PDB file of N, CA and C in Angstrom:
ATOM      1  N   MET A   1       0.839  -1.168   0.000  1.00  0.00           N
ATOM      2  CA  MET A   1       0.000   0.000   0.000  1.00  0.00           C
ATOM      3  C   MET A   1       0.888   1.236   0.000  1.00  0.00           C
ATOM      4  N   ARG A   2       0.551   2.214  -0.813  1.00  0.00           N
ATOM      5  CA  ARG A   2       1.317   3.451  -0.890  1.00  0.00           C
ATOM      6  C   ARG A   2       0.647   4.534  -0.059  1.00  0.00           C
ATOM      7  N   ALA A   3       1.454   5.345   0.553  1.00  0.00           N
ATOM      8  CA  ALA A   3       0.916   6.462   1.330  1.00  0.00           C
ATOM      9  C   ALA A   3       0.433   7.552   0.379  1.00  0.00           C
ATOM     10  N   SER A   4      -0.617   8.217   0.753  1.00  0.00           N
ATOM     11  CA  SER A   4      -1.168   9.292  -0.055  1.00  0.00           C
ATOM     12  C   SER A   4      -0.797  10.641   0.546  1.00  0.00           C
ATOM     13  N   PRO A   5      -0.444  11.620  -0.291  1.00  0.00           N
ATOM     14  CA  PRO A   5      -0.149  12.949   0.241  1.00  0.00           C
ATOM     15  C   PRO A   5      -1.412  13.731   0.587  1.00  0.00           C
ATOM     16  N   TRP A   6      -2.566  13.209   0.264  1.00  0.00           N
ATOM     17  CA  TRP A   6      -3.827  13.901   0.500  1.00  0.00           C
ATOM     18  C   TRP A   6      -4.386  13.530   1.861  1.00  0.00           C
ATOM     19  N   VAL A   7      -5.003  14.479   2.508  1.00  0.00           N
ATOM     20  CA  VAL A   7      -5.584  14.269   3.826  1.00  0.00           C
ATOM     21  C   VAL A   7      -7.081  14.497   3.718  1.00  0.00           C
ATOM     22  N   ALA A   8      -7.846  13.655   4.375  1.00  0.00           N
ATOM     23  CA  ALA A   8      -9.293  13.815   4.364  1.00  0.00           C
ATOM     24  C   ALA A   8      -9.672  15.158   4.986  1.00  0.00           C
ATOM     25  N   ALA A   9     -10.745  15.757   4.495  1.00  0.00           N
ATOM     26  CA  ALA A   9     -11.173  17.071   4.971  1.00  0.00           C
ATOM     27  C   ALA A   9     -11.530  17.061   6.456  1.00  0.00           C
ATOM     28  N   ASP A  10     -11.929  15.922   6.976  1.00  0.00           N
ATOM     29  CA  ASP A  10     -12.324  15.866   8.380  1.00  0.00           C
ATOM     30  C   ASP A  10     -11.181  15.404   9.291  1.00  0.00           C
ATOM     31  N   ALA A  11      -9.985  15.302   8.749  1.00  0.00           N
ATOM     32  CA  ALA A  11      -8.835  14.867   9.547  1.00  0.00           C
ATOM     33  C   ALA A  11      -8.423  15.985  10.511  1.00  0.00           C
ATOM     34  N   ALA A  12      -7.909  15.607  11.669  1.00  0.00           N
ATOM     35  CA  ALA A  12      -7.433  16.589  12.644  1.00  0.00           C
ATOM     36  C   ALA A  12      -6.207  17.300  12.081  1.00  0.00           C
ATOM     37  N   PRO A  13      -6.036  18.579  12.426  1.00  0.00           N
ATOM     38  CA  PRO A  13      -4.859  19.298  11.922  1.00  0.00           C
ATOM     39  C   PRO A  13      -3.569  18.715  12.486  1.00  0.00           C
ATOM     40  N   ASP A  14      -2.519  18.773  11.690  1.00  0.00           N
ATOM     41  CA  ASP A  14      -1.197  18.324  12.142  1.00  0.00           C
ATOM     42  C   ASP A  14      -0.621  19.429  13.009  1.00  0.00           C
ATOM     43  N   LEU A  15      -0.499  19.199  14.294  1.00  0.00           N
ATOM     44  CA  LEU A  15      -0.050  20.223  15.225  1.00  0.00           C
ATOM     45  C   LEU A  15       1.459  20.240  15.414  1.00  0.00           C
ATOM     46  N   THR A  16       2.199  19.513  14.576  1.00  0.00           N
ATOM     47  CA  THR A  16       3.643  19.462  14.749  1.00  0.00           C
ATOM     48  C   THR A  16       4.387  20.519  13.939  1.00  0.00           C
ATOM     49  N   TRP A  17       3.753  21.105  12.931  1.00  0.00           N
ATOM     50  CA  TRP A  17       4.405  22.147  12.153  1.00  0.00           C
ATOM     51  C   TRP A  17       3.358  22.978  11.438  1.00  0.00           C
ATOM     52  N   LEU A  18       3.739  24.171  11.050  1.00  0.00           N
ATOM     53  CA  LEU A  18       2.859  25.069  10.312  1.00  0.00           C
ATOM     54  C   LEU A  18       3.647  25.731   9.193  1.00  0.00           C
ATOM     55  N   GLU A  19       3.023  25.869   8.064  1.00  0.00           N
ATOM     56  CA  GLU A  19       3.618  26.643   6.980  1.00  0.00           C
ATOM     57  C   GLU A  19       3.400  28.117   7.300  1.00  0.00           C
ATOM     58  N   ARG A  20       4.423  28.913   7.156  1.00  0.00           N
ATOM     59  CA  ARG A  20       4.305  30.343   7.445  1.00  0.00           C
ATOM     60  C   ARG A  20       3.773  31.049   6.206  1.00  0.00           C
ATOM     61  N   ALA A  21       2.431  31.014   6.080  1.00  0.00           N
ATOM     62  CA  ALA A  21       1.777  31.580   4.906  1.00  0.00           C
ATOM     63  C   ALA A  21       0.758  32.653   5.277  1.00  0.00           C
ATOM     64  N   GLY A  22       0.903  33.247   6.471  1.00  0.00           N
ATOM     65  CA  GLY A  22       0.034  34.337   6.879  1.00  0.00           C
ATOM     66  C   GLY A  22      -1.321  33.923   7.425  1.00  0.00           C
ATOM     67  N   GLN A  23      -1.543  32.628   7.585  1.00  0.00           N
ATOM     68  CA  GLN A  23      -2.858  32.169   8.017  1.00  0.00           C
ATOM     69  C   GLN A  23      -3.105  32.451   9.498  1.00  0.00           C
ATOM     70  N   THR A  24      -4.383  32.488   9.860  1.00  0.00           N
ATOM     71  CA  THR A  24      -4.802  32.675  11.242  1.00  0.00           C
ATOM     72  C   THR A  24      -5.061  31.308  11.856  1.00  0.00           C
ATOM     73  N   VAL A  25      -4.559  31.103  13.085  1.00  0.00           N
ATOM     74  CA  VAL A  25      -4.734  29.837  13.786  1.00  0.00           C
ATOM     75  C   VAL A  25      -5.252  30.113  15.193  1.00  0.00           C
ATOM     76  N   ASN A  26      -5.820  29.099  15.811  1.00  0.00           N
ATOM     77  CA  ASN A  26      -6.339  29.227  17.167  1.00  0.00           C
ATOM     78  C   ASN A  26      -5.207  29.149  18.190  1.00  0.00           C
ATOM     79  N   ARG A  27      -5.255  30.033  19.156  1.00  0.00           N
ATOM     80  CA  ARG A  27      -4.251  30.030  20.227  1.00  0.00           C
ATOM     81  C   ARG A  27      -4.329  28.736  21.032  1.00  0.00           C
ATOM     82  N   ALA A  28      -5.538  28.207  21.185  1.00  0.00           N
ATOM     83  CA  ALA A  28      -5.720  26.970  21.957  1.00  0.00           C
ATOM     84  C   ALA A  28      -5.087  25.772  21.261  1.00  0.00           C
ATOM     85  N   ASP A  29      -4.985  25.802  19.935  1.00  0.00           N
ATOM     86  CA  ASP A  29      -4.369  24.699  19.193  1.00  0.00           C
ATOM     87  C   ASP A  29      -2.846  24.738  19.262  1.00  0.00           C
ATOM     88  N   TYR A  30      -2.276  25.919  19.464  1.00  0.00           N
ATOM     89  CA  TYR A  30      -0.823  26.089  19.480  1.00  0.00           C
ATOM     90  C   TYR A  30      -0.401  26.934  20.686  1.00  0.00           C
ATOM     91  N   PRO A  31      -0.708  26.474  21.909  1.00  0.00           N
ATOM     92  CA  PRO A  31      -0.427  27.298  23.093  1.00  0.00           C
ATOM     93  C   PRO A  31       1.057  27.585  23.321  1.00  0.00           C
ATOM     94  N   ALA A  32       1.921  26.626  23.055  1.00  0.00           N
ATOM     95  CA  ALA A  32       3.358  26.858  23.258  1.00  0.00           C
ATOM     96  C   ALA A  32       3.881  27.889  22.268  1.00  0.00           C
ATOM     97  N   LEU A  33       3.451  27.796  21.022  1.00  0.00           N
ATOM     98  CA  LEU A  33       3.888  28.754  20.005  1.00  0.00           C
ATOM     99  C   LEU A  33       3.369  30.145  20.340  1.00  0.00           C
ATOM    100  N   TRP A  34       2.083  30.247  20.700  1.00  0.00           N
ATOM    101  CA  TRP A  34       1.520  31.543  21.061  1.00  0.00           C
ATOM    102  C   TRP A  34       2.244  32.105  22.284  1.00  0.00           C
ATOM    103  N   GLY A  35       2.533  31.273  23.267  1.00  0.00           N
ATOM    104  CA  GLY A  35       3.232  31.729  24.454  1.00  0.00           C
ATOM    105  C   GLY A  35       4.604  32.290  24.121  1.00  0.00           C
ATOM    106  N   TRP A  36       5.327  31.609  23.257  1.00  0.00           N
ATOM    107  CA  TRP A  36       6.651  32.064  22.871  1.00  0.00           C
ATOM    108  C   TRP A  36       6.587  33.377  22.096  1.00  0.00           C
ATOM    109  N   VAL A  37       5.676  33.447  21.119  1.00  0.00           N
ATOM    110  CA  VAL A  37       5.563  34.646  20.280  1.00  0.00           C
ATOM    111  C   VAL A  37       5.149  35.854  21.121  1.00  0.00           C
ATOM    112  N   SER A  38       4.164  35.675  21.988  1.00  0.00           N
ATOM    113  CA  SER A  38       3.694  36.806  22.792  1.00  0.00           C
ATOM    114  C   SER A  38       4.738  37.215  23.834  1.00  0.00           C
ATOM    115  N   ALA A  39       5.418  36.249  24.452  1.00  0.00           N
ATOM    116  CA  ALA A  39       6.457  36.574  25.441  1.00  0.00           C
ATOM    117  C   ALA A  39       7.642  37.279  24.793  1.00  0.00           C
ATOM    118  N   ALA A  40       7.917  36.953  23.545  1.00  0.00           N
ATOM    119  CA  ALA A  40       9.038  37.572  22.834  1.00  0.00           C
ATOM    120  C   ALA A  40       8.722  39.006  22.408  1.00  0.00           C
ATOM    121  N   GLY A  41       7.444  39.382  22.479  1.00  0.00           N
ATOM    122  CA  GLY A  41       7.063  40.745  22.121  1.00  0.00           C
ATOM    123  C   GLY A  41       7.126  41.045  20.636  1.00  0.00           C
ATOM    124  N   ILE A  42       6.921  40.024  19.833  1.00  0.00           N
ATOM    125  CA  ILE A  42       7.039  40.218  18.378  1.00  0.00           C
ATOM    126  C   ILE A  42       5.681  40.186  17.671  1.00  0.00           C
ATOM    127  N   VAL A  43       4.607  40.383  18.418  1.00  0.00           N
ATOM    128  CA  VAL A  43       3.260  40.370  17.854  1.00  0.00           C
ATOM    129  C   VAL A  43       2.833  41.798  17.548  1.00  0.00           C
ATOM    130  N   VAL A  44       2.277  42.011  16.363  1.00  0.00           N
ATOM    131  CA  VAL A  44       1.765  43.327  15.981  1.00  0.00           C
ATOM    132  C   VAL A  44       0.273  43.223  15.711  1.00  0.00           C
ATOM    133  N   SER A  45      -0.405  44.354  15.696  1.00  0.00           N
ATOM    134  CA  SER A  45      -1.838  44.345  15.397  1.00  0.00           C
ATOM    135  C   SER A  45      -2.048  43.953  13.944  1.00  0.00           C
ATOM    136  N   GLU A  46      -3.177  43.342  13.671  1.00  0.00           N
ATOM    137  CA  GLU A  46      -3.465  42.903  12.301  1.00  0.00           C
ATOM    138  C   GLU A  46      -3.494  44.084  11.336  1.00  0.00           C
ATOM    139  N   GLY A  47      -3.912  45.248  11.810  1.00  0.00           N
ATOM    140  CA  GLY A  47      -3.987  46.421  10.943  1.00  0.00           C
ATOM    141  C   GLY A  47      -2.632  46.934  10.479  1.00  0.00           C
ATOM    142  N   SER A  48      -1.598  46.672  11.268  1.00  0.00           N
ATOM    143  CA  SER A  48      -0.259  47.157  10.897  1.00  0.00           C
ATOM    144  C   SER A  48       0.666  46.024  10.457  1.00  0.00           C
ATOM    145  N   LYS A  49       0.155  44.807  10.429  1.00  0.00           N
ATOM    146  CA  LYS A  49       0.978  43.636  10.088  1.00  0.00           C
ATOM    147  C   LYS A  49       1.471  43.695   8.646  1.00  0.00           C
ATOM    148  N   GLN A  50       2.744  43.378   8.475  1.00  0.00           N
ATOM    149  CA  GLN A  50       3.346  43.270   7.154  1.00  0.00           C
ATOM    150  C   GLN A  50       3.859  41.853   6.974  1.00  0.00           C
ATOM    151  N   ALA A  51       4.223  41.505   5.750  1.00  0.00           N
ATOM    152  CA  ALA A  51       4.763  40.171   5.487  1.00  0.00           C
ATOM    153  C   ALA A  51       5.939  39.911   6.416  1.00  0.00           C
ATOM    154  N   GLY A  52       5.991  38.718   6.968  1.00  0.00           N
ATOM    155  CA  GLY A  52       7.082  38.350   7.846  1.00  0.00           C
ATOM    156  C   GLY A  52       6.840  38.659   9.306  1.00  0.00           C
ATOM    157  N   GLN A  53       5.677  39.235   9.646  1.00  0.00           N
ATOM    158  CA  GLN A  53       5.388  39.569  11.037  1.00  0.00           C
ATOM    159  C   GLN A  53       4.283  38.682  11.601  1.00  0.00           C
ATOM    160  N   TRP A  54       4.309  38.484  12.913  1.00  0.00           N
ATOM    161  CA  TRP A  54       3.271  37.752  13.625  1.00  0.00           C
ATOM    162  C   TRP A  54       2.153  38.723  13.958  1.00  0.00           C
ATOM    163  N   GLY A  55       0.888  38.291  13.783  1.00  0.00           N
ATOM    164  CA  GLY A  55      -0.252  39.161  14.081  1.00  0.00           C
ATOM    165  C   GLY A  55      -1.021  38.696  15.304  1.00  0.00           C
ATOM    166  N   ASN A  56      -1.738  39.625  15.937  1.00  0.00           N
ATOM    167  CA  ASN A  56      -2.494  39.287  17.139  1.00  0.00           C
ATOM    168  C   ASN A  56      -3.854  38.664  16.849  1.00  0.00           C
ATOM    169  N   GLY A  57      -4.160  38.408  15.591  1.00  0.00           N
ATOM    170  CA  GLY A  57      -5.419  37.750  15.238  1.00  0.00           C
ATOM    171  C   GLY A  57      -6.619  38.564  15.653  1.00  0.00           C
ATOM    172  N   ASP A  58      -7.598  37.898  16.285  1.00  0.00           N
ATOM    173  CA  ASP A  58      -8.796  38.611  16.725  1.00  0.00           C
ATOM    174  C   ASP A  58      -8.612  39.254  18.092  1.00  0.00           C
ATOM    175  N   GLY A  59      -7.430  39.104  18.674  1.00  0.00           N
ATOM    176  CA  GLY A  59      -7.136  39.712  19.955  1.00  0.00           C
ATOM    177  C   GLY A  59      -7.438  38.852  21.163  1.00  0.00           C
ATOM    178  N   THR A  60      -8.149  37.734  20.959  1.00  0.00           N
ATOM    179  CA  THR A  60      -8.477  36.878  22.098  1.00  0.00           C
ATOM    180  C   THR A  60      -8.246  35.396  21.838  1.00  0.00           C
ATOM    181  N   ALA A  61      -8.729  34.886  20.729  1.00  0.00           N
ATOM    182  CA  ALA A  61      -8.694  33.437  20.508  1.00  0.00           C
ATOM    183  C   ALA A  61      -7.772  32.998  19.376  1.00  0.00           C
ATOM    184  N   THR A  62      -7.308  33.922  18.556  1.00  0.00           N
ATOM    185  CA  THR A  62      -6.488  33.549  17.401  1.00  0.00           C
ATOM    186  C   THR A  62      -5.238  34.423  17.317  1.00  0.00           C
ATOM    187  N   PHE A  63      -4.309  33.983  16.490  1.00  0.00           N
ATOM    188  CA  PHE A  63      -3.158  34.794  16.097  1.00  0.00           C
ATOM    189  C   PHE A  63      -2.800  34.400  14.680  1.00  0.00           C
ATOM    190  N   SER A  64      -2.039  35.250  13.999  1.00  0.00           N
ATOM    191  CA  SER A  64      -1.693  34.938  12.609  1.00  0.00           C
ATOM    192  C   SER A  64      -0.193  34.783  12.454  1.00  0.00           C
ATOM    193  N   LEU A  65       0.149  33.882  11.576  1.00  0.00           N
ATOM    194  CA  LEU A  65       1.545  33.579  11.304  1.00  0.00           C
ATOM    195  C   LEU A  65       2.118  34.559  10.294  1.00  0.00           C
ATOM    196  N   PRO A  66       3.434  34.697  10.281  1.00  0.00           N
ATOM    197  CA  PRO A  66       4.058  35.529   9.241  1.00  0.00           C
ATOM    198  C   PRO A  66       3.805  34.917   7.867  1.00  0.00           C
ATOM    199  N   ASP A  67       3.803  35.754   6.862  1.00  0.00           N
ATOM    200  CA  ASP A  67       3.671  35.270   5.492  1.00  0.00           C
ATOM    201  C   ASP A  67       5.038  35.326   4.841  1.00  0.00           C
ATOM    202  N   ASN A  68       5.662  34.170   4.746  1.00  0.00           N
ATOM    203  CA  ASN A  68       7.003  34.086   4.153  1.00  0.00           C
ATOM    204  C   ASN A  68       6.992  33.406   2.792  1.00  0.00           C
ATOM    205  N   ARG A  69       5.829  33.340   2.168  1.00  0.00           N
ATOM    206  CA  ARG A  69       5.774  32.733   0.841  1.00  0.00           C
ATOM    207  C   ARG A  69       6.627  33.551  -0.126  1.00  0.00           C
ATOM    208  N   GLY A  70       7.386  32.863  -0.929  1.00  0.00           N
ATOM    209  CA  GLY A  70       8.239  33.518  -1.908  1.00  0.00           C
ATOM    210  C   GLY A  70       9.536  34.060  -1.359  1.00  0.00           C
ATOM    211  N   ARG A  71       9.829  33.750  -0.095  1.00  0.00           N
ATOM    212  CA  ARG A  71      11.071  34.195   0.529  1.00  0.00           C
ATOM    213  C   ARG A  71      11.933  32.997   0.852  1.00  0.00           C
ATOM    214  N   VAL A  72      13.216  33.196   0.811  1.00  0.00           N
ATOM    215  CA  VAL A  72      14.160  32.148   1.207  1.00  0.00           C
ATOM    216  C   VAL A  72      14.539  32.424   2.659  1.00  0.00           C
ATOM    217  N   LEU A  73      14.351  31.417   3.502  1.00  0.00           N
ATOM    218  CA  LEU A  73      14.672  31.603   4.919  1.00  0.00           C
ATOM    219  C   LEU A  73      15.980  30.943   5.259  1.00  0.00           C
TER     220      LEU A  73
END
């Protein structure tokens, strides 16, 4: 049997890594990451967020990842 790269739509999210594509995620799903980002003081408001910056999401339950698409890290 061969493994498939496709995941069923109802599958649980993979909590071991995230692509930095500017998406918004739940703080409850990634508490360690949110804790590190907020403690480091590198979170900006969504209104002033630019590519490559962490956003505060909705301010209570979410935060957004930097958008590094098209960049070499």
